[in-house]
Structures are given as C-alpha cells and as structure tokens.
Amino acid sequence: MKHVIELREQGYSIIRGFLPPDELAEVRKAVDEVYAEGMKHHSSYRDHNLLFEVLNDPAVKKRVVLQAYWFAWINKKLEEMRRSERYFNLLAPWLGPDIKQMVNQIHWKHPGGKYTYYRYHQDVRFRERRDLMTNFDRYYVTTGLAVNKQGPHNGALKLFPHSHKMGYLGLSDEYAHVMLGDTRQDDELRRAGLDPKNV
C-alpha cells in the first residue's frame, strides 16, 4: 500500500479524502460538542484520563480549550471513530492486527491565538517507558485527522521528512515547561542534525 511505503521511506504519509464529506461533517460536529463540553469548565479539568486544557489566551483575549484527552469516554461518535474499520484497515498493514491506542486527543488551534505552536518534538517523549519503544519507526505511529483546513494562521503541523530513521533525538526535553508558544528552536534542531530549511 502506498501509505505504508511512504511511512517507511519518509516517515509520514498524507491521505486526502480519508473520510467521505458526510462522515467528516459528523466528526466535525462531534469535535464541536467536545469543545462545548470543555468550555463548561473555567480552567483545566480532569476526571480520570478525560482531560480538558482550558486557559485564557492573551492574543485572542478569551478563554479557550486548547486540547482534550480521552474525550471518547463522553462522545459516542468519536468513540466509534477511534475503533472504526476504516482506521484499522489503514493501520494494520503498518502495525499488524494487534493495535493498542496509547492516547486519544484533540487539539484546537485558534487563529491569531498565542498557543497555536508546539515546539518540535517526537511524540515518544510522552511515553512513560521509552525503553519499550525500540524500533518506533516501525511499531509506533501517530495519526492526525484534520477536520478544518490547516495553515500558517492556525499552526499547521510541520515535520522533518526522514527524521524517523534518526532514532530518539531528545527535542524539547529541556523545555517541557514551554512546549506551547515558543518558536525559538533552530539551534536545537541543528544540534540534533536537522536543518530548519528542510521542514
């Protein structure tokens, strides 16, 4: 399959039209429902592994939900989506038939907001047992489903092709307290062997 070849070679694959328009509209509606649930809280809120990160964004001058974790507990459509045959059929050729989802999250990037930028990092840095994550270029994958258009105005995802073959680079390990909103990283990228021009 083309996406498996692309993942192995360049470390990412873009799959356009993954969901038909009607189903994408349903997912977008469900995401809006989760956001509305998060806005019921005046600050960040956790219940077991359900988490809403809520704060006041000084750039847009309002309270916003930045992200939610394990919202599938409270939203039937998104629970169905994470277990869908469509996702399984996409991922099984890469990961095999025994797949464990390690995290389930939504990110909202508000146009013009201060907190639309995450420092470059490898998601494996957030796993508790990195020693078990050997060969994560073959046995671990992060998927993202864009329900709205991404661009410079709202912090589109950026990546370095082929960096998955370089192993764990420790990006942002020293900056865990400023993962959001800090764009000064070129020197750190160069030290890790990444040319900022190749993003």
N, C-alpha and C. Protein backbone atom coordinates (compact mmCIF):
# COMPACT_ATOMS: atom_id res chain seq x y z
N MET A 1 0.83 -1.18 0.00
CA MET A 1 0.00 0.00 0.00
C MET A 1 0.88 1.25 0.00
N LYS A 2 0.45 2.25 -0.72
CA LYS A 2 1.27 3.45 -0.92
C LYS A 2 1.63 4.12 0.40
N HIS A 3 0.67 4.25 1.33
CA HIS A 3 0.96 4.96 2.57
C HIS A 3 1.98 4.23 3.43
N VAL A 4 2.01 2.91 3.36
CA VAL A 4 3.00 2.14 4.13
C VAL A 4 4.39 2.38 3.57
N ILE A 5 4.51 2.40 2.26
CA ILE A 5 5.81 2.68 1.62
C ILE A 5 6.27 4.09 2.00
N GLU A 6 5.34 5.05 1.95
CA GLU A 6 5.70 6.43 2.31
C GLU A 6 6.12 6.54 3.77
N LEU A 7 5.39 5.86 4.65
CA LEU A 7 5.76 5.89 6.08
C LEU A 7 7.15 5.34 6.29
N ARG A 8 7.45 4.22 5.65
CA ARG A 8 8.77 3.61 5.83
C ARG A 8 9.87 4.48 5.27
N GLU A 9 9.61 5.12 4.14
CA GLU A 9 10.67 5.87 3.48
C GLU A 9 10.81 7.28 4.05
N GLN A 10 9.72 8.03 4.13
CA GLN A 10 9.85 9.43 4.51
C GLN A 10 9.35 9.75 5.91
N GLY A 11 8.69 8.77 6.56
CA GLY A 11 8.27 8.98 7.94
C GLY A 11 6.88 9.58 8.09
N TYR A 12 6.20 9.85 7.01
CA TYR A 12 4.84 10.38 7.07
C TYR A 12 4.13 10.07 5.76
N SER A 13 2.83 10.13 5.81
CA SER A 13 2.01 9.97 4.61
C SER A 13 0.77 10.85 4.79
N ILE A 14 0.40 11.53 3.74
CA ILE A 14 -0.81 12.36 3.76
C ILE A 14 -1.88 11.63 2.97
N ILE A 15 -3.00 11.38 3.59
CA ILE A 15 -4.09 10.64 2.96
C ILE A 15 -5.28 11.59 2.80
N ARG A 16 -5.45 12.09 1.62
CA ARG A 16 -6.54 13.03 1.36
C ARG A 16 -7.84 12.26 1.13
N GLY A 17 -8.94 12.80 1.61
CA GLY A 17 -10.22 12.15 1.43
C GLY A 17 -10.38 10.88 2.25
N PHE A 18 -9.67 10.79 3.38
CA PHE A 18 -9.76 9.60 4.25
C PHE A 18 -11.20 9.34 4.66
N LEU A 19 -11.94 10.39 4.96
CA LEU A 19 -13.36 10.27 5.28
C LEU A 19 -14.19 10.92 4.18
N PRO A 20 -15.31 10.31 3.82
CA PRO A 20 -16.20 10.99 2.89
C PRO A 20 -16.76 12.25 3.55
N PRO A 21 -17.16 13.25 2.75
CA PRO A 21 -17.58 14.55 3.31
C PRO A 21 -18.68 14.45 4.37
N ASP A 22 -19.65 13.56 4.19
CA ASP A 22 -20.73 13.47 5.17
C ASP A 22 -20.23 12.96 6.51
N GLU A 23 -19.32 11.99 6.49
CA GLU A 23 -18.79 11.47 7.75
C GLU A 23 -17.85 12.48 8.40
N LEU A 24 -17.07 13.20 7.59
CA LEU A 24 -16.21 14.24 8.15
C LEU A 24 -17.05 15.31 8.83
N ALA A 25 -18.19 15.64 8.25
CA ALA A 25 -19.09 16.63 8.87
C ALA A 25 -19.59 16.12 10.21
N GLU A 26 -19.87 14.83 10.32
CA GLU A 26 -20.31 14.25 11.60
C GLU A 26 -19.19 14.33 12.64
N VAL A 27 -17.96 14.05 12.21
CA VAL A 27 -16.83 14.12 13.13
C VAL A 27 -16.61 15.57 13.58
N ARG A 28 -16.71 16.51 12.64
CA ARG A 28 -16.55 17.92 12.98
C ARG A 28 -17.61 18.35 14.01
N LYS A 29 -18.84 17.89 13.82
CA LYS A 29 -19.91 18.19 14.78
C LYS A 29 -19.58 17.61 16.16
N ALA A 30 -19.07 16.38 16.19
CA ALA A 30 -18.70 15.75 17.45
C ALA A 30 -17.56 16.51 18.13
N VAL A 31 -16.59 16.98 17.34
CA VAL A 31 -15.48 17.76 17.89
C VAL A 31 -16.01 19.06 18.50
N ASP A 32 -16.97 19.69 17.83
CA ASP A 32 -17.59 20.91 18.36
C ASP A 32 -18.31 20.62 19.68
N GLU A 33 -18.94 19.44 19.78
CA GLU A 33 -19.62 19.06 21.03
C GLU A 33 -18.61 18.91 22.17
N VAL A 34 -17.46 18.31 21.87
CA VAL A 34 -16.42 18.15 22.89
C VAL A 34 -15.90 19.52 23.33
N TYR A 35 -15.72 20.41 22.37
CA TYR A 35 -15.26 21.76 22.71
C TYR A 35 -16.26 22.45 23.65
N ALA A 36 -17.54 22.34 23.32
CA ALA A 36 -18.58 22.96 24.16
C ALA A 36 -18.55 22.38 25.56
N GLU A 37 -18.29 21.09 25.67
CA GLU A 37 -18.19 20.46 26.99
C GLU A 37 -16.99 21.02 27.76
N GLY A 38 -15.87 21.20 27.06
CA GLY A 38 -14.69 21.77 27.70
C GLY A 38 -14.92 23.19 28.19
N MET A 39 -15.71 23.97 27.43
CA MET A 39 -15.96 25.36 27.80
C MET A 39 -16.86 25.50 29.03
N LYS A 40 -17.44 24.40 29.47
CA LYS A 40 -18.23 24.44 30.72
C LYS A 40 -17.33 24.61 31.93
N HIS A 41 -16.03 24.39 31.74
CA HIS A 41 -15.07 24.47 32.84
C HIS A 41 -14.32 25.80 32.75
N HIS A 42 -14.10 26.44 33.88
CA HIS A 42 -13.45 27.75 33.89
C HIS A 42 -11.93 27.66 33.83
N SER A 43 -11.42 26.45 34.06
CA SER A 43 -9.98 26.21 33.95
C SER A 43 -9.80 24.74 33.59
N SER A 44 -8.57 24.31 33.46
CA SER A 44 -8.32 22.92 33.08
C SER A 44 -9.02 21.97 34.04
N TYR A 45 -9.48 20.86 33.48
CA TYR A 45 -10.32 19.93 34.23
C TYR A 45 -9.91 18.51 33.89
N ARG A 46 -9.84 17.65 34.92
CA ARG A 46 -9.52 16.24 34.71
C ARG A 46 -10.49 15.36 35.49
N ASP A 47 -10.91 14.27 34.86
CA ASP A 47 -11.67 13.22 35.52
C ASP A 47 -11.11 11.90 35.02
N HIS A 48 -10.28 11.24 35.84
CA HIS A 48 -9.53 10.06 35.44
C HIS A 48 -8.64 10.44 34.24
N ASN A 49 -8.81 9.80 33.08
CA ASN A 49 -7.96 10.21 31.95
C ASN A 49 -8.67 11.12 30.96
N LEU A 50 -9.89 11.54 31.26
CA LEU A 50 -10.54 12.61 30.49
C LEU A 50 -9.94 13.93 30.97
N LEU A 51 -9.44 14.73 30.04
CA LEU A 51 -8.80 15.99 30.41
C LEU A 51 -9.16 17.07 29.40
N PHE A 52 -9.51 18.24 29.91
CA PHE A 52 -9.66 19.44 29.09
C PHE A 52 -8.61 20.44 29.55
N GLU A 53 -7.81 20.95 28.61
CA GLU A 53 -6.88 22.03 28.95
C GLU A 53 -7.55 23.33 28.53
N VAL A 54 -7.88 24.15 29.53
CA VAL A 54 -8.63 25.39 29.33
C VAL A 54 -7.81 26.52 29.92
N LEU A 55 -7.66 27.59 29.14
CA LEU A 55 -6.94 28.76 29.67
C LEU A 55 -7.37 30.02 28.96
N ASN A 56 -6.92 31.14 29.47
CA ASN A 56 -7.17 32.43 28.84
C ASN A 56 -6.03 32.71 27.87
N ASP A 57 -6.37 32.88 26.60
CA ASP A 57 -5.36 33.17 25.59
C ASP A 57 -5.26 34.69 25.45
N PRO A 58 -4.09 35.27 25.80
CA PRO A 58 -3.97 36.73 25.77
C PRO A 58 -4.04 37.32 24.37
N ALA A 59 -3.72 36.53 23.34
CA ALA A 59 -3.73 37.06 21.99
C ALA A 59 -5.14 37.22 21.44
N VAL A 60 -6.01 36.27 21.75
CA VAL A 60 -7.39 36.37 21.27
C VAL A 60 -8.33 36.93 22.34
N LYS A 61 -7.75 37.16 23.54
CA LYS A 61 -8.46 37.81 24.64
C LYS A 61 -9.76 37.08 25.02
N LYS A 62 -9.65 35.76 25.15
CA LYS A 62 -10.80 35.00 25.62
C LYS A 62 -10.33 33.64 26.15
N ARG A 63 -11.21 33.01 26.89
CA ARG A 63 -10.95 31.67 27.41
C ARG A 63 -11.14 30.68 26.27
N VAL A 64 -10.23 29.73 26.14
CA VAL A 64 -10.27 28.76 25.05
C VAL A 64 -9.97 27.37 25.59
N VAL A 65 -10.42 26.37 24.86
CA VAL A 65 -10.00 24.99 25.10
C VAL A 65 -8.87 24.72 24.12
N LEU A 66 -7.71 24.36 24.64
CA LEU A 66 -6.56 24.06 23.77
C LEU A 66 -6.55 22.62 23.32
N GLN A 67 -6.88 21.73 24.25
CA GLN A 67 -6.84 20.31 23.89
C GLN A 67 -7.71 19.51 24.86
N ALA A 68 -8.07 18.32 24.40
CA ALA A 68 -8.83 17.37 25.22
C ALA A 68 -8.22 15.99 25.03
N TYR A 69 -8.19 15.22 26.10
CA TYR A 69 -7.67 13.85 26.07
C TYR A 69 -8.77 12.88 26.47
N TRP A 70 -8.82 11.77 25.78
CA TRP A 70 -9.75 10.67 26.04
C TRP A 70 -11.20 11.14 26.15
N PHE A 71 -11.54 12.04 25.22
CA PHE A 71 -12.91 12.53 25.06
C PHE A 71 -13.83 11.43 24.55
N ALA A 72 -13.25 10.34 24.05
CA ALA A 72 -14.09 9.24 23.56
C ALA A 72 -14.98 8.68 24.67
N TRP A 73 -14.60 8.88 25.93
CA TRP A 73 -15.43 8.45 27.05
C TRP A 73 -16.77 9.18 27.06
N ILE A 74 -16.82 10.38 26.50
CA ILE A 74 -18.03 11.19 26.63
C ILE A 74 -18.69 11.49 25.28
N ASN A 75 -18.14 10.95 24.18
CA ASN A 75 -18.71 11.26 22.87
C ASN A 75 -18.81 9.98 22.05
N LYS A 76 -20.03 9.55 21.81
CA LYS A 76 -20.28 8.27 21.13
C LYS A 76 -19.67 8.24 19.73
N LYS A 77 -19.84 9.31 18.96
CA LYS A 77 -19.32 9.32 17.59
C LYS A 77 -17.80 9.18 17.56
N LEU A 78 -17.12 9.88 18.46
CA LEU A 78 -15.66 9.83 18.46
C LEU A 78 -15.15 8.51 19.05
N GLU A 79 -15.92 7.90 19.93
CA GLU A 79 -15.58 6.55 20.40
C GLU A 79 -15.68 5.55 19.25
N GLU A 80 -16.75 5.66 18.47
CA GLU A 80 -16.90 4.77 17.30
C GLU A 80 -15.78 5.02 16.29
N MET A 81 -15.42 6.27 16.12
CA MET A 81 -14.41 6.64 15.12
C MET A 81 -13.05 6.03 15.46
N ARG A 82 -12.66 6.07 16.73
CA ARG A 82 -11.34 5.57 17.08
C ARG A 82 -11.23 4.06 16.91
N ARG A 83 -12.35 3.36 16.87
CA ARG A 83 -12.37 1.90 16.70
C ARG A 83 -12.82 1.49 15.30
N SER A 84 -12.89 2.43 14.39
CA SER A 84 -13.52 2.15 13.10
C SER A 84 -12.69 1.20 12.24
N GLU A 85 -13.38 0.47 11.41
CA GLU A 85 -12.73 -0.42 10.44
C GLU A 85 -11.86 0.38 9.48
N ARG A 86 -12.29 1.60 9.17
CA ARG A 86 -11.53 2.44 8.25
C ARG A 86 -10.12 2.69 8.81
N TYR A 87 -10.04 3.03 10.10
CA TYR A 87 -8.73 3.23 10.72
C TYR A 87 -7.95 1.92 10.79
N PHE A 88 -8.63 0.85 11.18
CA PHE A 88 -7.95 -0.44 11.29
C PHE A 88 -7.35 -0.86 9.95
N ASN A 89 -8.14 -0.75 8.89
CA ASN A 89 -7.65 -1.15 7.57
C ASN A 89 -6.49 -0.28 7.09
N LEU A 90 -6.45 0.96 7.55
CA LEU A 90 -5.34 1.84 7.21
C LEU A 90 -4.08 1.46 7.98
N LEU A 91 -4.23 1.14 9.27
CA LEU A 91 -3.07 0.95 10.14
C LEU A 91 -2.54 -0.48 10.19
N ALA A 92 -3.39 -1.47 9.99
CA ALA A 92 -2.96 -2.86 10.13
C ALA A 92 -1.81 -3.24 9.18
N PRO A 93 -1.78 -2.76 7.93
CA PRO A 93 -0.62 -3.11 7.09
C PRO A 93 0.71 -2.58 7.64
N TRP A 94 0.65 -1.57 8.47
CA TRP A 94 1.87 -0.99 9.07
C TRP A 94 2.16 -1.62 10.43
N LEU A 95 1.12 -1.74 11.28
CA LEU A 95 1.31 -2.15 12.66
C LEU A 95 0.97 -3.61 12.93
N GLY A 96 0.29 -4.26 11.99
CA GLY A 96 -0.20 -5.61 12.25
C GLY A 96 -1.60 -5.54 12.85
N PRO A 97 -2.20 -6.72 13.11
CA PRO A 97 -3.61 -6.74 13.54
C PRO A 97 -3.83 -6.43 15.02
N ASP A 98 -2.79 -6.45 15.85
CA ASP A 98 -2.94 -6.23 17.29
C ASP A 98 -2.49 -4.81 17.61
N ILE A 99 -3.44 -3.89 17.62
CA ILE A 99 -3.13 -2.46 17.75
C ILE A 99 -3.64 -1.93 19.08
N LYS A 100 -2.81 -1.21 19.78
CA LYS A 100 -3.20 -0.56 21.03
C LYS A 100 -3.12 0.94 20.84
N GLN A 101 -4.20 1.63 21.14
CA GLN A 101 -4.19 3.09 21.08
C GLN A 101 -3.67 3.61 22.41
N MET A 102 -2.61 4.41 22.35
CA MET A 102 -1.95 4.87 23.56
C MET A 102 -2.53 6.18 24.07
N VAL A 103 -3.03 7.00 23.17
CA VAL A 103 -3.62 8.28 23.59
C VAL A 103 -4.66 8.68 22.56
N ASN A 104 -5.60 9.50 22.99
CA ASN A 104 -6.73 9.92 22.17
C ASN A 104 -6.92 11.39 22.49
N GLN A 105 -6.63 12.27 21.53
CA GLN A 105 -6.65 13.70 21.87
C GLN A 105 -7.13 14.55 20.70
N ILE A 106 -7.62 15.75 21.05
CA ILE A 106 -8.00 16.76 20.07
C ILE A 106 -7.21 18.02 20.41
N HIS A 107 -6.70 18.70 19.37
CA HIS A 107 -6.06 19.99 19.54
C HIS A 107 -6.87 21.04 18.78
N TRP A 108 -7.13 22.14 19.45
CA TRP A 108 -7.77 23.28 18.80
C TRP A 108 -6.73 24.39 18.70
N LYS A 109 -6.54 24.91 17.51
CA LYS A 109 -5.58 25.99 17.29
C LYS A 109 -6.35 27.20 16.79
N HIS A 110 -6.49 28.17 17.66
CA HIS A 110 -7.33 29.32 17.39
C HIS A 110 -6.58 30.35 16.55
N PRO A 111 -7.08 30.67 15.36
CA PRO A 111 -6.40 31.65 14.51
C PRO A 111 -6.08 32.93 15.27
N GLY A 112 -4.83 33.35 15.19
CA GLY A 112 -4.40 34.55 15.89
C GLY A 112 -4.05 34.33 17.34
N GLY A 113 -4.27 33.10 17.84
CA GLY A 113 -4.01 32.81 19.25
C GLY A 113 -2.52 32.67 19.54
N LYS A 114 -2.16 32.86 20.81
CA LYS A 114 -0.77 32.70 21.23
C LYS A 114 -0.36 31.24 21.20
N TYR A 115 -1.30 30.36 21.51
CA TYR A 115 -0.95 28.95 21.72
C TYR A 115 -1.33 28.08 20.53
N THR A 116 -0.84 28.45 19.36
CA THR A 116 -1.08 27.62 18.18
C THR A 116 0.16 26.83 17.80
N TYR A 117 1.26 27.05 18.49
CA TYR A 117 2.54 26.46 18.10
C TYR A 117 3.05 25.53 19.19
N TYR A 118 3.38 24.30 18.82
CA TYR A 118 4.05 23.36 19.70
C TYR A 118 5.51 23.25 19.27
N ARG A 119 6.42 23.23 20.22
CA ARG A 119 7.82 23.03 19.87
C ARG A 119 7.98 21.70 19.14
N TYR A 120 8.97 21.62 18.25
CA TYR A 120 9.26 20.35 17.60
C TYR A 120 9.60 19.31 18.66
N HIS A 121 9.05 18.13 18.49
CA HIS A 121 9.29 17.03 19.42
C HIS A 121 8.93 15.73 18.72
N GLN A 122 9.28 14.62 19.33
CA GLN A 122 8.83 13.31 18.89
C GLN A 122 7.85 12.82 19.95
N ASP A 123 6.69 12.36 19.52
CA ASP A 123 5.65 12.01 20.49
C ASP A 123 6.09 10.94 21.48
N VAL A 124 7.06 10.13 21.12
CA VAL A 124 7.52 9.08 22.03
C VAL A 124 8.05 9.67 23.33
N ARG A 125 8.42 10.94 23.33
CA ARG A 125 8.90 11.58 24.56
C ARG A 125 7.85 11.59 25.66
N PHE A 126 6.57 11.46 25.29
CA PHE A 126 5.50 11.49 26.28
C PHE A 126 5.12 10.10 26.80
N ARG A 127 5.78 9.07 26.32
CA ARG A 127 5.52 7.72 26.79
C ARG A 127 6.35 7.45 28.04
N GLU A 128 5.78 6.75 29.01
CA GLU A 128 6.47 6.53 30.28
C GLU A 128 7.62 5.53 30.14
N ARG A 129 7.48 4.55 29.26
CA ARG A 129 8.51 3.51 29.13
C ARG A 129 9.18 3.61 27.76
N ARG A 130 10.05 4.60 27.62
CA ARG A 130 10.74 4.77 26.33
C ARG A 130 11.60 3.54 26.00
N ASP A 131 12.06 2.81 27.03
CA ASP A 131 12.90 1.64 26.78
C ASP A 131 12.13 0.55 26.02
N LEU A 132 10.80 0.61 26.07
CA LEU A 132 9.99 -0.37 25.34
C LEU A 132 9.68 0.09 23.92
N MET A 133 10.14 1.29 23.57
CA MET A 133 9.77 1.86 22.28
C MET A 133 10.88 1.72 21.25
N THR A 134 11.64 0.64 21.33
CA THR A 134 12.64 0.40 20.30
C THR A 134 11.93 0.18 18.97
N ASN A 135 12.61 0.52 17.90
CA ASN A 135 12.03 0.39 16.55
C ASN A 135 10.73 1.15 16.40
N PHE A 136 10.66 2.33 17.03
CA PHE A 136 9.40 3.05 16.92
C PHE A 136 9.17 3.59 15.52
N ASP A 137 10.16 3.47 14.65
CA ASP A 137 9.93 3.83 13.26
C ASP A 137 9.14 2.74 12.53
N ARG A 138 8.93 1.59 13.18
CA ARG A 138 8.16 0.51 12.55
C ARG A 138 6.92 0.12 13.35
N TYR A 139 6.94 0.34 14.67
CA TYR A 139 5.89 -0.23 15.51
C TYR A 139 5.08 0.83 16.26
N TYR A 140 5.23 2.06 15.86
CA TYR A 140 4.55 3.15 16.57
C TYR A 140 4.22 4.20 15.52
N VAL A 141 3.01 4.72 15.57
CA VAL A 141 2.64 5.75 14.60
C VAL A 141 1.66 6.73 15.26
N THR A 142 1.82 7.98 14.94
CA THR A 142 0.87 9.00 15.36
C THR A 142 0.00 9.33 14.15
N THR A 143 -1.30 9.32 14.34
CA THR A 143 -2.19 9.73 13.26
C THR A 143 -2.84 11.06 13.64
N GLY A 144 -3.17 11.83 12.66
CA GLY A 144 -3.88 13.08 12.87
C GLY A 144 -4.96 13.21 11.83
N LEU A 145 -6.12 13.64 12.23
CA LEU A 145 -7.23 13.86 11.31
C LEU A 145 -7.58 15.35 11.36
N ALA A 146 -7.32 16.05 10.27
CA ALA A 146 -7.64 17.48 10.21
C ALA A 146 -9.11 17.62 9.86
N VAL A 147 -9.88 18.22 10.77
CA VAL A 147 -11.30 18.42 10.49
C VAL A 147 -11.56 19.82 9.93
N ASN A 148 -10.55 20.68 9.99
CA ASN A 148 -10.59 22.00 9.35
C ASN A 148 -9.28 22.19 8.59
N LYS A 149 -9.28 23.14 7.66
CA LYS A 149 -8.05 23.43 6.92
C LYS A 149 -6.96 23.91 7.87
N GLN A 150 -5.72 23.50 7.58
CA GLN A 150 -4.58 23.94 8.36
C GLN A 150 -3.73 24.89 7.53
N GLY A 151 -3.13 25.85 8.20
CA GLY A 151 -2.25 26.79 7.52
C GLY A 151 -1.47 27.59 8.53
N PRO A 152 -0.66 28.53 8.06
CA PRO A 152 0.14 29.35 8.98
C PRO A 152 -0.71 30.12 9.99
N HIS A 153 -1.96 30.43 9.64
CA HIS A 153 -2.82 31.22 10.52
C HIS A 153 -3.23 30.46 11.78
N ASN A 154 -3.19 29.11 11.72
CA ASN A 154 -3.64 28.36 12.90
C ASN A 154 -2.67 27.24 13.28
N GLY A 155 -1.41 27.41 12.95
CA GLY A 155 -0.41 26.47 13.45
C GLY A 155 -0.46 25.10 12.82
N ALA A 156 -0.37 25.03 11.50
CA ALA A 156 -0.41 23.74 10.81
C ALA A 156 0.73 22.83 11.28
N LEU A 157 0.50 21.54 11.19
CA LEU A 157 1.51 20.55 11.54
C LEU A 157 2.72 20.69 10.62
N LYS A 158 3.93 20.68 11.22
CA LYS A 158 5.18 20.71 10.46
C LYS A 158 6.02 19.52 10.88
N LEU A 159 6.81 19.00 9.96
CA LEU A 159 7.63 17.84 10.29
C LEU A 159 8.89 17.81 9.44
N PHE A 160 9.80 16.93 9.84
CA PHE A 160 11.04 16.73 9.11
C PHE A 160 11.01 15.36 8.44
N PRO A 161 10.93 15.32 7.11
CA PRO A 161 10.97 14.03 6.43
C PRO A 161 12.23 13.26 6.81
N HIS A 162 12.10 11.95 6.96
CA HIS A 162 13.19 11.01 7.22
C HIS A 162 13.73 11.07 8.63
N SER A 163 13.25 11.97 9.47
CA SER A 163 13.80 12.07 10.82
C SER A 163 13.45 10.84 11.67
N HIS A 164 12.45 10.04 11.25
CA HIS A 164 12.10 8.84 12.00
C HIS A 164 13.23 7.81 11.96
N LYS A 165 14.14 7.95 11.00
CA LYS A 165 15.26 7.00 10.90
C LYS A 165 16.43 7.39 11.79
N MET A 166 16.32 8.53 12.46
CA MET A 166 17.43 9.04 13.26
C MET A 166 17.34 8.63 14.73
N GLY A 167 16.29 7.88 15.10
CA GLY A 167 16.12 7.49 16.49
C GLY A 167 15.58 8.63 17.32
N TYR A 168 15.65 8.45 18.64
CA TYR A 168 15.12 9.48 19.53
C TYR A 168 16.12 10.62 19.64
N LEU A 169 15.68 11.84 19.34
CA LEU A 169 16.58 13.00 19.25
C LEU A 169 16.54 13.91 20.48
N GLY A 170 15.63 13.67 21.38
CA GLY A 170 15.57 14.48 22.59
C GLY A 170 15.08 15.90 22.38
N LEU A 171 14.40 16.16 21.28
CA LEU A 171 13.94 17.52 21.00
C LEU A 171 12.99 18.00 22.10
N SER A 172 13.23 19.17 22.59
CA SER A 172 12.39 19.84 23.60
C SER A 172 12.45 19.18 24.97
N ASP A 173 13.32 18.20 25.17
CA ASP A 173 13.39 17.58 26.50
C ASP A 173 13.72 18.60 27.59
N GLU A 174 14.52 19.60 27.24
CA GLU A 174 14.90 20.61 28.23
C GLU A 174 13.85 21.72 28.36
N TYR A 175 12.80 21.65 27.55
CA TYR A 175 11.84 22.75 27.50
C TYR A 175 10.41 22.27 27.73
N ALA A 176 10.25 21.26 28.57
CA ALA A 176 8.91 20.70 28.77
C ALA A 176 7.93 21.76 29.27
N HIS A 177 8.43 22.77 29.97
CA HIS A 177 7.56 23.80 30.55
C HIS A 177 7.16 24.85 29.52
N VAL A 178 7.75 24.83 28.32
CA VAL A 178 7.39 25.80 27.27
C VAL A 178 7.10 25.09 25.95
N MET A 179 6.36 23.99 26.00
CA MET A 179 6.03 23.27 24.78
C MET A 179 5.14 24.10 23.86
N LEU A 180 4.38 25.04 24.44
CA LEU A 180 3.46 25.86 23.65
C LEU A 180 3.99 27.27 23.52
N GLY A 181 3.85 27.82 22.32
CA GLY A 181 4.05 29.25 22.13
C GLY A 181 5.48 29.73 21.99
N ASP A 182 6.47 28.85 22.03
CA ASP A 182 7.88 29.27 21.92
C ASP A 182 8.42 28.77 20.58
N THR A 183 8.74 29.68 19.69
CA THR A 183 9.16 29.29 18.33
C THR A 183 10.67 29.31 18.14
N ARG A 184 11.44 29.64 19.16
CA ARG A 184 12.90 29.75 19.01
C ARG A 184 13.55 28.38 19.21
N GLN A 185 13.81 27.69 18.10
CA GLN A 185 14.29 26.32 18.25
C GLN A 185 15.34 25.94 17.21
N ASP A 186 15.68 26.82 16.30
CA ASP A 186 16.58 26.45 15.20
C ASP A 186 17.91 25.89 15.68
N ASP A 187 18.53 26.48 16.70
CA ASP A 187 19.82 25.99 17.17
C ASP A 187 19.69 24.57 17.72
N GLU A 188 18.63 24.32 18.45
CA GLU A 188 18.41 22.98 18.99
C GLU A 188 18.22 21.96 17.87
N LEU A 189 17.49 22.34 16.82
CA LEU A 189 17.28 21.45 15.68
C LEU A 189 18.61 21.12 15.01
N ARG A 190 19.44 22.12 14.81
CA ARG A 190 20.74 21.89 14.16
C ARG A 190 21.61 20.96 15.00
N ARG A 191 21.61 21.13 16.32
CA ARG A 191 22.39 20.26 17.20
C ARG A 191 21.94 18.81 17.07
N ALA A 192 20.66 18.60 16.77
CA ALA A 192 20.12 17.25 16.62
C ALA A 192 20.31 16.71 15.21
N GLY A 193 20.93 17.49 14.33
CA GLY A 193 21.18 17.05 12.96
C GLY A 193 20.07 17.35 11.99
N LEU A 194 19.20 18.28 12.34
CA LEU A 194 18.08 18.66 11.48
C LEU A 194 18.28 20.08 10.96
N ASP A 195 18.16 20.24 9.67
CA ASP A 195 18.29 21.57 9.06
C ASP A 195 16.92 22.22 9.03
N PRO A 196 16.75 23.37 9.70
CA PRO A 196 15.43 24.02 9.71
C PRO A 196 14.86 24.29 8.33
N LYS A 197 15.72 24.39 7.31
CA LYS A 197 15.24 24.64 5.94
C LYS A 197 14.50 23.42 5.38
N ASN A 198 14.69 22.26 5.99
CA ASN A 198 14.09 21.04 5.45
C ASN A 198 12.72 20.71 6.04
N VAL A 199 12.20 21.61 6.87
CA VAL A 199 10.90 21.33 7.48
C VAL A 199 9.82 21.31 6.41
